[in-house]
Amino acid sequence: MYQAELLFLRGLSPWRPVGAVRDLGALGDLAKRLLEANKERQGHITTGSMRRGEENWVYGRRGRPCRRCGTPIRSAGQQDRVTFWCPSCQPGEAPAGRAGWPRD
């Protein structure tokens, strides 16, 4: 969940190699802030809204409109996990030609 939300908040494609991320420190700082904000509450909120159905930006929202731009959220499998992203807010090529890709 945090992977999808962190990458969305930073505008990073989930398919970008780690070595191509310019500021990993800023990504780590954001991760720390999100973890701290959620450590004493039930559930995980990344949008700042505690209203049911408004807790996350992209995680678990396949096919629904992006909260920023309205583009449908996509999902694809990565080994035993599913990644969610907005193809407009997080530009980059998704892997193709592998079984189970894409899921949407």
N, C-alpha and C. Protein backbone atom coordinates (compact mmCIF):
# COMPACT_ATOMS: atom_id res chain seq x y z
N MET A 1 0.82 -1.17 0.00
CA MET A 1 0.00 0.00 0.00
C MET A 1 0.88 1.25 0.00
N TYR A 2 1.87 1.29 0.89
CA TYR A 2 2.72 2.47 0.96
C TYR A 2 3.52 2.68 -0.33
N GLN A 3 3.93 1.60 -0.95
CA GLN A 3 4.68 1.73 -2.21
C GLN A 3 3.85 2.48 -3.24
N ALA A 4 2.62 2.08 -3.45
CA ALA A 4 1.75 2.72 -4.43
C ALA A 4 1.50 4.18 -4.08
N GLU A 5 1.20 4.43 -2.83
CA GLU A 5 0.86 5.78 -2.39
C GLU A 5 2.07 6.71 -2.44
N LEU A 6 3.22 6.24 -1.99
CA LEU A 6 4.44 7.07 -2.00
C LEU A 6 4.83 7.44 -3.42
N LEU A 7 4.82 6.46 -4.32
CA LEU A 7 5.20 6.75 -5.70
C LEU A 7 4.22 7.72 -6.35
N PHE A 8 2.94 7.57 -6.05
CA PHE A 8 1.94 8.51 -6.57
C PHE A 8 2.23 9.92 -6.06
N LEU A 9 2.42 10.06 -4.77
CA LEU A 9 2.64 11.38 -4.19
C LEU A 9 3.88 12.07 -4.75
N ARG A 10 4.88 11.30 -5.13
CA ARG A 10 6.12 11.86 -5.71
C ARG A 10 6.07 11.94 -7.23
N GLY A 11 4.98 11.43 -7.86
CA GLY A 11 4.86 11.46 -9.32
C GLY A 11 5.79 10.51 -10.02
N LEU A 12 6.15 9.41 -9.36
CA LEU A 12 7.10 8.44 -9.92
C LEU A 12 6.38 7.22 -10.46
N SER A 13 6.78 6.78 -11.62
CA SER A 13 6.25 5.54 -12.18
C SER A 13 6.74 4.36 -11.35
N PRO A 14 5.86 3.38 -11.07
CA PRO A 14 6.31 2.21 -10.33
C PRO A 14 7.30 1.35 -11.12
N TRP A 15 7.46 1.63 -12.41
CA TRP A 15 8.36 0.85 -13.26
C TRP A 15 9.72 1.51 -13.40
N ARG A 16 9.92 2.68 -12.79
CA ARG A 16 11.21 3.35 -12.86
C ARG A 16 12.22 2.60 -11.98
N PRO A 17 13.40 2.32 -12.51
CA PRO A 17 14.43 1.68 -11.68
C PRO A 17 14.82 2.58 -10.51
N VAL A 18 15.12 1.99 -9.37
CA VAL A 18 15.49 2.75 -8.18
C VAL A 18 16.66 3.68 -8.48
N GLY A 19 17.61 3.21 -9.26
CA GLY A 19 18.77 4.03 -9.59
C GLY A 19 18.44 5.27 -10.40
N ALA A 20 17.26 5.33 -11.00
CA ALA A 20 16.85 6.49 -11.79
C ALA A 20 16.03 7.49 -10.98
N VAL A 21 15.79 7.20 -9.71
CA VAL A 21 15.05 8.12 -8.85
C VAL A 21 16.04 9.17 -8.34
N ARG A 22 15.73 10.43 -8.61
CA ARG A 22 16.68 11.51 -8.31
C ARG A 22 16.90 11.74 -6.83
N ASP A 23 15.84 11.73 -6.04
CA ASP A 23 16.00 12.08 -4.63
C ASP A 23 15.39 11.01 -3.74
N LEU A 24 16.13 9.94 -3.54
CA LEU A 24 15.64 8.86 -2.67
C LEU A 24 15.47 9.32 -1.23
N GLY A 25 16.27 10.28 -0.81
CA GLY A 25 16.14 10.81 0.54
C GLY A 25 14.78 11.45 0.78
N ALA A 26 14.30 12.20 -0.20
CA ALA A 26 12.98 12.83 -0.07
C ALA A 26 11.88 11.77 -0.04
N LEU A 27 12.05 10.71 -0.81
CA LEU A 27 11.08 9.61 -0.80
C LEU A 27 11.09 8.92 0.56
N GLY A 28 12.26 8.72 1.13
CA GLY A 28 12.37 8.13 2.46
C GLY A 28 11.76 9.03 3.53
N ASP A 29 11.97 10.35 3.41
CA ASP A 29 11.37 11.28 4.36
C ASP A 29 9.85 11.24 4.30
N LEU A 30 9.31 11.19 3.10
CA LEU A 30 7.86 11.11 2.94
C LEU A 30 7.33 9.80 3.52
N ALA A 31 8.05 8.71 3.29
CA ALA A 31 7.64 7.42 3.85
C ALA A 31 7.59 7.49 5.37
N LYS A 32 8.58 8.10 5.95
CA LYS A 32 8.63 8.24 7.40
C LYS A 32 7.43 9.05 7.90
N ARG A 33 7.12 10.14 7.22
CA ARG A 33 5.98 10.98 7.63
C ARG A 33 4.67 10.22 7.55
N LEU A 34 4.47 9.45 6.47
CA LEU A 34 3.24 8.67 6.34
C LEU A 34 3.13 7.59 7.42
N LEU A 35 4.24 6.92 7.68
CA LEU A 35 4.23 5.89 8.72
C LEU A 35 3.95 6.49 10.09
N GLU A 36 4.58 7.61 10.37
CA GLU A 36 4.34 8.30 11.65
C GLU A 36 2.87 8.72 11.78
N ALA A 37 2.30 9.25 10.71
CA ALA A 37 0.92 9.72 10.74
C ALA A 37 -0.07 8.58 10.97
N ASN A 38 0.30 7.38 10.58
CA ASN A 38 -0.62 6.24 10.67
C ASN A 38 -0.33 5.28 11.82
N LYS A 39 0.71 5.52 12.58
CA LYS A 39 1.14 4.53 13.56
C LYS A 39 0.15 4.29 14.68
N GLU A 40 -0.67 5.26 15.01
CA GLU A 40 -1.59 5.07 16.12
C GLU A 40 -3.06 5.06 15.70
N ARG A 41 -3.31 4.88 14.42
CA ARG A 41 -4.70 4.82 13.97
C ARG A 41 -4.97 3.50 13.29
N GLN A 42 -6.21 3.15 13.26
CA GLN A 42 -6.61 1.92 12.58
C GLN A 42 -6.74 2.23 11.10
N GLY A 43 -6.16 1.40 10.28
CA GLY A 43 -6.18 1.63 8.84
C GLY A 43 -5.01 2.51 8.41
N HIS A 44 -4.97 2.81 7.12
CA HIS A 44 -3.89 3.59 6.55
C HIS A 44 -4.49 4.73 5.75
N ILE A 45 -4.16 5.93 6.10
CA ILE A 45 -4.68 7.10 5.41
C ILE A 45 -3.51 7.86 4.81
N THR A 46 -3.59 8.10 3.50
CA THR A 46 -2.51 8.84 2.83
C THR A 46 -3.01 10.14 2.21
N THR A 47 -4.32 10.30 2.09
CA THR A 47 -4.89 11.51 1.49
C THR A 47 -5.14 12.61 2.51
N GLY A 48 -5.17 12.24 3.78
CA GLY A 48 -5.54 13.18 4.83
C GLY A 48 -7.02 13.12 5.18
N SER A 49 -7.81 12.42 4.38
CA SER A 49 -9.24 12.29 4.65
C SER A 49 -9.53 10.95 5.33
N MET A 50 -10.26 11.01 6.43
CA MET A 50 -10.62 9.79 7.13
C MET A 50 -12.01 9.29 6.73
N ARG A 51 -12.62 9.92 5.74
CA ARG A 51 -13.92 9.46 5.25
C ARG A 51 -13.77 8.14 4.53
N ARG A 52 -14.71 7.25 4.78
CA ARG A 52 -14.68 5.93 4.14
C ARG A 52 -14.63 6.08 2.62
N GLY A 53 -13.67 5.38 2.02
CA GLY A 53 -13.50 5.42 0.57
C GLY A 53 -12.60 6.55 0.07
N GLU A 54 -12.16 7.43 0.96
CA GLU A 54 -11.31 8.55 0.56
C GLU A 54 -9.91 8.48 1.17
N GLU A 55 -9.57 7.33 1.75
CA GLU A 55 -8.32 7.22 2.51
C GLU A 55 -7.07 7.18 1.65
N ASN A 56 -7.16 6.64 0.43
CA ASN A 56 -5.97 6.44 -0.41
C ASN A 56 -6.09 7.16 -1.74
N TRP A 57 -4.93 7.48 -2.30
CA TRP A 57 -4.88 8.12 -3.61
C TRP A 57 -5.09 7.10 -4.74
N VAL A 58 -4.32 6.02 -4.75
CA VAL A 58 -4.41 5.04 -5.84
C VAL A 58 -4.60 3.60 -5.36
N TYR A 59 -4.11 3.28 -4.19
CA TYR A 59 -4.14 1.90 -3.72
C TYR A 59 -5.58 1.38 -3.63
N GLY A 60 -5.82 0.24 -4.27
CA GLY A 60 -7.13 -0.41 -4.25
C GLY A 60 -8.19 0.31 -5.06
N ARG A 61 -7.79 1.23 -5.95
CA ARG A 61 -8.75 2.05 -6.68
C ARG A 61 -8.74 1.78 -8.18
N ARG A 62 -8.38 0.59 -8.61
CA ARG A 62 -8.32 0.25 -10.04
C ARG A 62 -9.62 0.61 -10.74
N GLY A 63 -9.49 1.30 -11.85
CA GLY A 63 -10.64 1.67 -12.68
C GLY A 63 -11.36 2.93 -12.22
N ARG A 64 -11.11 3.37 -11.00
CA ARG A 64 -11.75 4.60 -10.51
C ARG A 64 -10.93 5.81 -10.98
N PRO A 65 -11.55 6.98 -11.04
CA PRO A 65 -10.80 8.15 -11.50
C PRO A 65 -9.75 8.60 -10.48
N CYS A 66 -8.63 9.05 -11.01
CA CYS A 66 -7.57 9.61 -10.18
C CYS A 66 -8.14 10.81 -9.43
N ARG A 67 -7.80 10.94 -8.18
CA ARG A 67 -8.29 12.06 -7.37
C ARG A 67 -7.69 13.39 -7.81
N ARG A 68 -6.59 13.36 -8.57
CA ARG A 68 -5.97 14.60 -9.06
C ARG A 68 -6.42 14.96 -10.46
N CYS A 69 -6.37 13.98 -11.37
CA CYS A 69 -6.57 14.31 -12.79
C CYS A 69 -7.77 13.64 -13.45
N GLY A 70 -8.37 12.65 -12.82
CA GLY A 70 -9.54 11.99 -13.38
C GLY A 70 -9.24 10.79 -14.27
N THR A 71 -7.97 10.54 -14.58
CA THR A 71 -7.59 9.38 -15.39
C THR A 71 -7.88 8.10 -14.60
N PRO A 72 -8.40 7.06 -15.25
CA PRO A 72 -8.64 5.81 -14.50
C PRO A 72 -7.35 5.23 -13.93
N ILE A 73 -7.42 4.83 -12.67
CA ILE A 73 -6.29 4.19 -11.99
C ILE A 73 -6.08 2.81 -12.60
N ARG A 74 -4.84 2.44 -12.81
CA ARG A 74 -4.51 1.12 -13.37
C ARG A 74 -3.87 0.24 -12.31
N SER A 75 -3.85 -1.04 -12.59
CA SER A 75 -3.15 -1.98 -11.72
C SER A 75 -2.50 -3.05 -12.56
N ALA A 76 -1.42 -3.61 -12.02
CA ALA A 76 -0.70 -4.69 -12.68
C ALA A 76 -0.01 -5.51 -11.62
N GLY A 77 0.20 -6.79 -11.93
CA GLY A 77 0.87 -7.67 -10.98
C GLY A 77 2.37 -7.53 -11.03
N GLN A 78 2.99 -7.66 -9.86
CA GLN A 78 4.44 -7.71 -9.74
C GLN A 78 4.74 -8.88 -8.83
N GLN A 79 5.13 -9.98 -9.42
CA GLN A 79 5.36 -11.22 -8.70
C GLN A 79 4.09 -11.58 -7.93
N ASP A 80 4.11 -11.55 -6.61
CA ASP A 80 2.91 -11.92 -5.85
C ASP A 80 2.16 -10.70 -5.33
N ARG A 81 2.45 -9.52 -5.87
CA ARG A 81 1.81 -8.28 -5.42
C ARG A 81 1.14 -7.57 -6.58
N VAL A 82 0.27 -6.64 -6.24
CA VAL A 82 -0.40 -5.81 -7.24
C VAL A 82 0.03 -4.37 -7.01
N THR A 83 0.36 -3.69 -8.10
CA THR A 83 0.73 -2.28 -8.05
C THR A 83 -0.39 -1.45 -8.65
N PHE A 84 -0.71 -0.34 -8.02
CA PHE A 84 -1.72 0.59 -8.50
C PHE A 84 -1.02 1.90 -8.84
N TRP A 85 -1.44 2.56 -9.95
CA TRP A 85 -0.84 3.84 -10.33
C TRP A 85 -1.76 4.60 -11.27
N CYS A 86 -1.51 5.90 -11.37
CA CYS A 86 -2.20 6.76 -12.33
C CYS A 86 -1.26 6.97 -13.51
N PRO A 87 -1.62 6.50 -14.70
CA PRO A 87 -0.71 6.63 -15.84
C PRO A 87 -0.47 8.07 -16.27
N SER A 88 -1.33 8.99 -15.87
CA SER A 88 -1.14 10.40 -16.21
C SER A 88 -0.25 11.11 -15.19
N CYS A 89 -0.51 10.91 -13.92
CA CYS A 89 0.27 11.57 -12.86
C CYS A 89 1.62 10.90 -12.63
N GLN A 90 1.76 9.64 -13.05
CA GLN A 90 2.99 8.88 -12.87
C GLN A 90 3.44 8.33 -14.22
N PRO A 91 3.85 9.20 -15.14
CA PRO A 91 4.17 8.75 -16.49
C PRO A 91 5.35 7.78 -16.53
N GLY A 92 5.27 6.87 -17.47
CA GLY A 92 6.32 5.88 -17.68
C GLY A 92 5.71 4.63 -18.28
N GLU A 93 6.52 3.85 -18.91
CA GLU A 93 6.07 2.61 -19.55
C GLU A 93 5.87 1.50 -18.53
N ALA A 94 4.71 0.85 -18.60
CA ALA A 94 4.48 -0.35 -17.79
C ALA A 94 5.06 -1.54 -18.54
N PRO A 95 5.58 -2.52 -17.85
CA PRO A 95 6.12 -3.71 -18.52
C PRO A 95 5.04 -4.40 -19.35
N ALA A 96 5.43 -4.94 -20.46
CA ALA A 96 4.48 -5.65 -21.33
C ALA A 96 5.04 -7.02 -21.67
N GLY A 97 4.18 -7.91 -22.13
CA GLY A 97 4.61 -9.20 -22.60
C GLY A 97 4.87 -10.23 -21.54
N ARG A 98 4.42 -9.99 -20.30
CA ARG A 98 4.59 -10.96 -19.23
C ARG A 98 3.22 -11.42 -18.78
N ALA A 99 3.13 -12.66 -18.43
CA ALA A 99 1.85 -13.22 -17.99
C ALA A 99 1.30 -12.42 -16.83
N GLY A 100 0.00 -12.09 -16.92
CA GLY A 100 -0.65 -11.36 -15.84
C GLY A 100 -0.53 -9.85 -15.96
N TRP A 101 0.10 -9.33 -17.02
CA TRP A 101 0.25 -7.88 -17.19
C TRP A 101 -0.63 -7.44 -18.34
N PRO A 102 -1.22 -6.32 -18.35
CA PRO A 102 -1.64 -5.63 -17.15
C PRO A 102 -2.92 -6.26 -16.62
N ARG A 103 -3.29 -5.93 -15.43
CA ARG A 103 -4.48 -6.50 -14.82
C ARG A 103 -5.72 -5.70 -15.12
N ASP A 104 -5.58 -4.49 -15.55
CA ASP A 104 -6.78 -3.70 -15.76
C ASP A 104 -7.19 -3.86 -17.18
